[in-house]
Amino acid sequence: MKRFNLLHNVMLATFASACLLGTAHADDALKMELTANKVIKNAEGEVSYLPVRTAPKGTVIQYKATYTNTINQSINDLAVTLPIPANMTFTGEVSPASAQASIDGKNYADMPLMRKVDGKMVKIPYSEYRTLRWNIKLLPAKKSAAVALNAIVE
């Protein structure tokens, strides 16, 4: 069974994550920590998460980015993006639910993404989603906000 190295994906996602500040701040005003955890559901439907570095095909992984405001003033109008790693398929599960999605990394819209096919609007498959974006209106001084997405190892 082929295993996929998630550490490589985490590193790529860390470097690709973008933060756009509405006002100018020092480069170190925002700290980001990215984790990858295997999503485990028990027979009762309860979900738990275990840190993971590699995983076989079909494993559901949660990528979670925690953004911490390291300065003594609030950061306003923060947009954070989290790419869907290569060799992974987005499941449609996000936190918070306010995420917007993109199939090209440039144009974002509320989910589910739609397109016109034969004159009818149809949902774009999650397998085509490449990037998610969350808009954080206010991140108070010395506080954190987290965003997450679930993806399946292909």
C-alpha atoms as a PDB file:
ATOM      1  CA  MET A   1       0.000   0.000   0.000  1.00  0.00           C
ATOM      2  CA  LYS A   2       1.410   3.387  -1.000  1.00  0.00           C
ATOM      3  CA  ARG A   3       2.064   5.770   1.871  1.00  0.00           C
ATOM      4  CA  PHE A   4       2.079   9.508   1.418  1.00  0.00           C
ATOM      5  CA  ASN A   5       4.523  11.718   3.314  1.00  0.00           C
ATOM      6  CA  LEU A   6       2.347  14.324   5.014  1.00  0.00           C
ATOM      7  CA  LEU A   7       5.285  16.256   6.422  1.00  0.00           C
ATOM      8  CA  HIS A   8       6.148  17.311   2.866  1.00  0.00           C
ATOM      9  CA  ASN A   9       2.558  18.497   2.351  1.00  0.00           C
ATOM     10  CA  VAL A  10       2.567  20.368   5.646  1.00  0.00           C
ATOM     11  CA  MET A  11       5.758  22.179   4.685  1.00  0.00           C
ATOM     12  CA  LEU A  12       4.365  23.131   1.273  1.00  0.00           C
ATOM     13  CA  ALA A  13       1.116  24.337   2.801  1.00  0.00           C
ATOM     14  CA  THR A  14       3.013  26.357   5.413  1.00  0.00           C
ATOM     15  CA  PHE A  15       5.015  28.154   2.752  1.00  0.00           C
ATOM     16  CA  ALA A  16       1.974  28.683   0.541  1.00  0.00           C
ATOM     17  CA  SER A  17      -0.288  30.075   3.268  1.00  0.00           C
ATOM     18  CA  ALA A  18      -0.805  33.794   2.714  1.00  0.00           C
ATOM     19  CA  CYS A  19      -1.798  36.480   5.169  1.00  0.00           C
ATOM     20  CA  LEU A  20      -3.074  39.813   3.913  1.00  0.00           C
ATOM     21  CA  LEU A  21      -3.263  42.576   6.494  1.00  0.00           C
ATOM     22  CA  GLY A  22      -5.561  45.556   6.008  1.00  0.00           C
ATOM     23  CA  THR A  23      -3.078  47.792   7.816  1.00  0.00           C
ATOM     24  CA  ALA A  24       0.681  47.736   7.978  1.00  0.00           C
ATOM     25  CA  HIS A  25       2.250  45.730  10.817  1.00  0.00           C
ATOM     26  CA  ALA A  26       5.662  44.319  11.555  1.00  0.00           C
ATOM     27  CA  ASP A  27       6.466  41.107   9.688  1.00  0.00           C
ATOM     28  CA  ASP A  28       6.417  39.194  12.958  1.00  0.00           C
ATOM     29  CA  ALA A  29       2.932  40.400  14.006  1.00  0.00           C
ATOM     30  CA  LEU A  30       1.335  37.126  12.976  1.00  0.00           C
ATOM     31  CA  LYS A  31       2.638  33.657  13.784  1.00  0.00           C
ATOM     32  CA  MET A  32       1.212  30.598  12.032  1.00  0.00           C
ATOM     33  CA  GLU A  33       1.442  26.980  13.164  1.00  0.00           C
ATOM     34  CA  LEU A  34       0.263  24.215  10.844  1.00  0.00           C
ATOM     35  CA  THR A  35      -0.544  20.690  12.002  1.00  0.00           C
ATOM     36  CA  ALA A  36      -1.632  17.508  10.222  1.00  0.00           C
ATOM     37  CA  ASN A  37      -3.786  15.025  12.141  1.00  0.00           C
ATOM     38  CA  LYS A  38      -5.443  11.766  11.167  1.00  0.00           C
ATOM     39  CA  VAL A  39      -9.224  12.007  11.609  1.00  0.00           C
ATOM     40  CA  ILE A  40     -10.601   8.989  13.489  1.00  0.00           C
ATOM     41  CA  LYS A  41     -14.325   8.334  13.980  1.00  0.00           C
ATOM     42  CA  ASN A  42     -15.383   5.648  16.439  1.00  0.00           C
ATOM     43  CA  ALA A  43     -18.540   3.492  16.267  1.00  0.00           C
ATOM     44  CA  GLU A  44     -20.517   6.146  18.175  1.00  0.00           C
ATOM     45  CA  GLY A  45     -19.529   8.816  15.640  1.00  0.00           C
ATOM     46  CA  GLU A  46     -17.184  10.642  17.994  1.00  0.00           C
ATOM     47  CA  VAL A  47     -14.191  12.218  16.271  1.00  0.00           C
ATOM     48  CA  SER A  48     -10.627  12.258  17.545  1.00  0.00           C
ATOM     49  CA  TYR A  49      -7.381  13.442  15.988  1.00  0.00           C
ATOM     50  CA  LEU A  50      -3.934  11.825  16.062  1.00  0.00           C
ATOM     51  CA  PRO A  51      -0.729  13.499  14.845  1.00  0.00           C
ATOM     52  CA  VAL A  52       0.485  11.866  11.645  1.00  0.00           C
ATOM     53  CA  ARG A  53       3.557  12.082   9.392  1.00  0.00           C
ATOM     54  CA  THR A  54       2.677   9.490   6.762  1.00  0.00           C
ATOM     55  CA  ALA A  55      -0.628   7.898   5.836  1.00  0.00           C
ATOM     56  CA  PRO A  56      -1.936   5.289   3.393  1.00  0.00           C
ATOM     57  CA  LYS A  57      -4.336   6.074   0.564  1.00  0.00           C
ATOM     58  CA  GLY A  58      -7.867   6.763   1.808  1.00  0.00           C
ATOM     59  CA  THR A  59      -6.832   8.284   5.152  1.00  0.00           C
ATOM     60  CA  VAL A  60      -8.665  11.478   6.127  1.00  0.00           C
ATOM     61  CA  ILE A  61      -6.271  14.177   7.341  1.00  0.00           C
ATOM     62  CA  GLN A  62      -7.169  17.446   9.015  1.00  0.00           C
ATOM     63  CA  TYR A  63      -4.849  20.343   8.224  1.00  0.00           C
ATOM     64  CA  LYS A  64      -5.215  23.010  10.905  1.00  0.00           C
ATOM     65  CA  ALA A  65      -3.554  26.427  10.791  1.00  0.00           C
ATOM     66  CA  THR A  66      -3.500  28.453  14.002  1.00  0.00           C
ATOM     67  CA  TYR A  67      -2.763  32.148  13.578  1.00  0.00           C
ATOM     68  CA  THR A  68      -1.552  34.061  16.653  1.00  0.00           C
ATOM     69  CA  ASN A  69      -1.430  37.836  16.900  1.00  0.00           C
ATOM     70  CA  THR A  70       1.912  38.490  18.622  1.00  0.00           C
ATOM     71  CA  ILE A  71       1.587  42.264  18.985  1.00  0.00           C
ATOM     72  CA  ASN A  72      -0.211  44.448  21.531  1.00  0.00           C
ATOM     73  CA  GLN A  73      -2.876  45.713  19.158  1.00  0.00           C
ATOM     74  CA  SER A  74      -5.669  44.085  17.183  1.00  0.00           C
ATOM     75  CA  ILE A  75      -5.240  43.050  13.559  1.00  0.00           C
ATOM     76  CA  ASN A  76      -8.224  43.905  11.370  1.00  0.00           C
ATOM     77  CA  ASP A  77      -9.404  42.396   8.087  1.00  0.00           C
ATOM     78  CA  LEU A  78      -7.117  39.402   7.955  1.00  0.00           C
ATOM     79  CA  ALA A  79      -7.499  37.006   5.010  1.00  0.00           C
ATOM     80  CA  VAL A  80      -5.814  33.634   5.422  1.00  0.00           C
ATOM     81  CA  THR A  81      -5.541  30.922   2.804  1.00  0.00           C
ATOM     82  CA  LEU A  82      -4.824  27.246   3.124  1.00  0.00           C
ATOM     83  CA  PRO A  83      -3.991  25.233   0.014  1.00  0.00           C
ATOM     84  CA  ILE A  84      -5.310  21.729  -0.437  1.00  0.00           C
ATOM     85  CA  PRO A  85      -2.087  19.716  -0.576  1.00  0.00           C
ATOM     86  CA  ALA A  86      -1.031  17.866  -3.724  1.00  0.00           C
ATOM     87  CA  ASN A  87      -2.149  14.222  -3.826  1.00  0.00           C
ATOM     88  CA  MET A  88      -5.074  15.054  -1.535  1.00  0.00           C
ATOM     89  CA  THR A  89      -8.788  15.523  -2.235  1.00  0.00           C
ATOM     90  CA  PHE A  90     -10.814  18.011  -0.191  1.00  0.00           C
ATOM     91  CA  THR A  91     -13.738  16.387   1.673  1.00  0.00           C
ATOM     92  CA  GLY A  92     -15.886  19.507   1.945  1.00  0.00           C
ATOM     93  CA  GLU A  93     -15.334  19.698   5.720  1.00  0.00           C
ATOM     94  CA  VAL A  94     -13.957  23.012   7.006  1.00  0.00           C
ATOM     95  CA  SER A  95     -13.786  24.990  10.220  1.00  0.00           C
ATOM     96  CA  PRO A  96     -15.053  27.631  10.526  1.00  0.00           C
ATOM     97  CA  ALA A  97     -17.772  27.041   7.936  1.00  0.00           C
ATOM     98  CA  SER A  98     -17.340  30.558   6.500  1.00  0.00           C
ATOM     99  CA  ALA A  99     -14.501  29.433   4.193  1.00  0.00           C
ATOM    100  CA  GLN A 100     -14.541  30.359   0.543  1.00  0.00           C
ATOM    101  CA  ALA A 101     -13.007  28.075  -2.071  1.00  0.00           C
ATOM    102  CA  SER A 102     -11.053  28.407  -5.306  1.00  0.00           C
ATOM    103  CA  ILE A 103     -10.162  26.055  -8.138  1.00  0.00           C
ATOM    104  CA  ASP A 104      -7.406  28.372  -9.426  1.00  0.00           C
ATOM    105  CA  GLY A 105      -6.041  30.045  -6.271  1.00  0.00           C
ATOM    106  CA  LYS A 106      -7.154  33.466  -7.531  1.00  0.00           C
ATOM    107  CA  ASN A 107     -10.953  33.585  -7.687  1.00  0.00           C
ATOM    108  CA  TYR A 108     -12.836  32.703  -4.480  1.00  0.00           C
ATOM    109  CA  ALA A 109     -16.537  32.097  -3.856  1.00  0.00           C
ATOM    110  CA  ASP A 110     -18.797  30.633  -1.207  1.00  0.00           C
ATOM    111  CA  MET A 111     -19.106  26.866  -1.191  1.00  0.00           C
ATOM    112  CA  PRO A 112     -20.311  24.859  -2.922  1.00  0.00           C
ATOM    113  CA  LEU A 113     -18.591  26.198  -6.032  1.00  0.00           C
ATOM    114  CA  MET A 114     -20.788  26.115  -9.128  1.00  0.00           C
ATOM    115  CA  ARG A 115     -20.281  26.200 -12.905  1.00  0.00           C
ATOM    116  CA  LYS A 116     -22.502  26.129 -15.945  1.00  0.00           C
ATOM    117  CA  VAL A 117     -22.594  22.832 -17.870  1.00  0.00           C
ATOM    118  CA  ASP A 118     -24.936  22.455 -20.843  1.00  0.00           C
ATOM    119  CA  GLY A 119     -26.845  25.536 -19.723  1.00  0.00           C
ATOM    120  CA  LYS A 120     -27.372  24.273 -16.148  1.00  0.00           C
ATOM    121  CA  MET A 121     -25.594  25.237 -12.942  1.00  0.00           C
ATOM    122  CA  VAL A 122     -23.856  22.226 -11.353  1.00  0.00           C
ATOM    123  CA  LYS A 123     -21.625  21.790  -8.316  1.00  0.00           C
ATOM    124  CA  ILE A 124     -17.896  21.639  -8.993  1.00  0.00           C
ATOM    125  CA  PRO A 125     -16.481  18.403  -7.511  1.00  0.00           C
ATOM    126  CA  TYR A 126     -14.411  18.834  -4.337  1.00  0.00           C
ATOM    127  CA  SER A 127     -11.559  17.089  -6.158  1.00  0.00           C
ATOM    128  CA  GLU A 128     -11.110  20.294  -8.212  1.00  0.00           C
ATOM    129  CA  TYR A 129     -10.838  22.613  -5.188  1.00  0.00           C
ATOM    130  CA  ARG A 130      -7.236  23.862  -4.753  1.00  0.00           C
ATOM    131  CA  THR A 131      -7.324  26.567  -2.062  1.00  0.00           C
ATOM    132  CA  LEU A 132      -9.568  27.749   0.772  1.00  0.00           C
ATOM    133  CA  ARG A 133      -9.726  31.253   2.241  1.00  0.00           C
ATOM    134  CA  TRP A 134     -11.141  32.601   5.491  1.00  0.00           C
ATOM    135  CA  ASN A 135     -11.695  36.268   6.319  1.00  0.00           C
ATOM    136  CA  ILE A 136     -10.993  37.112   9.951  1.00  0.00           C
ATOM    137  CA  LYS A 137     -12.498  40.535  10.679  1.00  0.00           C
ATOM    138  CA  LEU A 138     -10.701  41.024  13.994  1.00  0.00           C
ATOM    139  CA  LEU A 139      -7.849  39.175  15.686  1.00  0.00           C
ATOM    140  CA  PRO A 140      -7.369  40.795  19.115  1.00  0.00           C
ATOM    141  CA  ALA A 141      -3.921  41.419  20.593  1.00  0.00           C
ATOM    142  CA  LYS A 142      -2.193  38.254  21.850  1.00  0.00           C
ATOM    143  CA  LYS A 143      -5.125  36.036  20.717  1.00  0.00           C
ATOM    144  CA  SER A 144      -5.325  33.173  18.228  1.00  0.00           C
ATOM    145  CA  ALA A 145      -7.710  32.006  15.523  1.00  0.00           C
ATOM    146  CA  ALA A 146      -7.682  28.594  13.846  1.00  0.00           C
ATOM    147  CA  VAL A 147      -8.875  27.380  10.464  1.00  0.00           C
ATOM    148  CA  ALA A 148      -8.984  23.792   9.258  1.00  0.00           C
ATOM    149  CA  LEU A 149      -9.796  21.617   6.295  1.00  0.00           C
ATOM    150  CA  ASN A 150     -10.117  17.871   5.861  1.00  0.00           C
ATOM    151  CA  ALA A 151      -8.646  16.043   2.873  1.00  0.00           C
ATOM    152  CA  ILE A 152      -8.263  12.404   1.828  1.00  0.00           C
ATOM    153  CA  VAL A 153      -4.934  10.925   0.763  1.00  0.00           C
ATOM    154  CA  GLU A 154      -5.220   9.895  -2.906  1.00  0.00           C
END
